[in-house]
Protein backbone atom coordinates (compact mmCIF):
# COMPACT_ATOMS: atom_id res chain seq x y z
CA UNK A 1 -1.53 8.12 0.60
CA UNK A 2 0.16 9.54 -2.51
CA UNK A 3 3.55 11.00 -1.71
CA UNK A 4 3.88 9.10 1.56
CA UNK A 5 7.16 7.38 2.46
CA UNK A 6 5.44 4.02 2.14
CA UNK A 7 4.17 4.78 -1.35
CA UNK A 8 7.58 6.05 -2.42
CA UNK A 9 9.16 2.87 -1.03
CA UNK A 10 6.78 0.68 -3.02
CA UNK A 11 7.38 2.64 -6.21
CA UNK A 12 11.16 2.49 -5.77
CA UNK A 13 11.12 -1.24 -4.97
CA UNK A 14 8.94 -1.95 -8.00
CA UNK A 15 11.40 -0.06 -10.22
CA UNK A 16 14.36 -2.03 -8.87
CA UNK A 17 12.50 -5.27 -9.51
CA UNK A 18 11.67 -4.22 -13.06
CA UNK A 19 15.33 -3.28 -13.60
CA UNK A 20 16.55 -6.42 -11.80
CA UNK A 21 18.85 -4.18 -9.71
CA UNK A 22 19.79 -5.95 -6.47
CA UNK A 23 22.19 -3.24 -5.27
CA UNK A 24 19.64 -0.45 -5.58
CA UNK A 25 17.01 -2.66 -3.92
CA UNK A 26 19.31 -3.15 -0.93
CA UNK A 27 20.09 0.59 -0.70
CA UNK A 28 16.42 1.55 -0.75
CA UNK A 29 15.48 -1.02 1.89
CA UNK A 30 18.46 -0.11 4.11
CA UNK A 31 17.67 3.62 3.90
CA UNK A 32 14.00 3.15 4.71
CA UNK A 33 14.74 0.73 7.56
CA UNK A 34 17.14 3.20 9.22
CA UNK A 35 14.25 5.62 9.78
CA UNK A 36 11.33 3.21 10.10
CA UNK A 37 12.41 -0.32 11.04
CA UNK A 38 10.49 -3.12 9.38
CA UNK A 39 8.61 -5.58 11.54
CA UNK A 40 9.42 -9.31 11.33
CA UNK A 41 6.79 -10.08 8.69
CA UNK A 42 7.90 -7.28 6.36
CA UNK A 43 11.55 -8.21 6.86
CA UNK A 44 10.81 -11.83 5.98
CA UNK A 45 8.92 -10.78 2.85
CA UNK A 46 11.72 -8.46 1.75
CA UNK A 47 14.30 -11.22 2.22
CA UNK A 48 12.22 -13.49 -0.04
CA UNK A 49 12.00 -10.73 -2.66
CA UNK A 50 15.77 -10.22 -2.49
CA UNK A 51 16.40 -13.97 -2.86
CA UNK A 52 14.14 -14.04 -5.91
CA UNK A 53 15.94 -11.03 -7.37
CA UNK A 54 19.30 -12.73 -6.85
CA UNK A 55 18.06 -15.91 -8.56
CA UNK A 56 16.84 -13.90 -11.54
CA UNK A 57 20.14 -12.02 -11.75
CA UNK A 58 22.01 -15.34 -11.73
CA UNK A 59 19.77 -16.64 -14.50
CA UNK A 60 18.43 -19.47 -12.37
CA UNK A 61 14.81 -18.75 -13.22
CA UNK A 62 12.90 -17.13 -16.02
CA UNK A 63 11.69 -13.71 -14.76
CA UNK A 64 8.57 -14.07 -16.90
CA UNK A 65 7.50 -17.11 -14.90
CA UNK A 66 7.77 -15.58 -11.42
């Protein structure tokens, strides 16, 4: 599965989470979803990840505890 779109998506998302970069996260998800739409479960999970990322960016939680 190396080199697949899914693997690239996961690697890119992990990098944005490490960098705490909400804008890049949104761009990556939007670009992937244009070609391969996410199902409801994946969409729900990605929304939760984005909410967590926004909380960390706002300093509402300690990223080391999440």
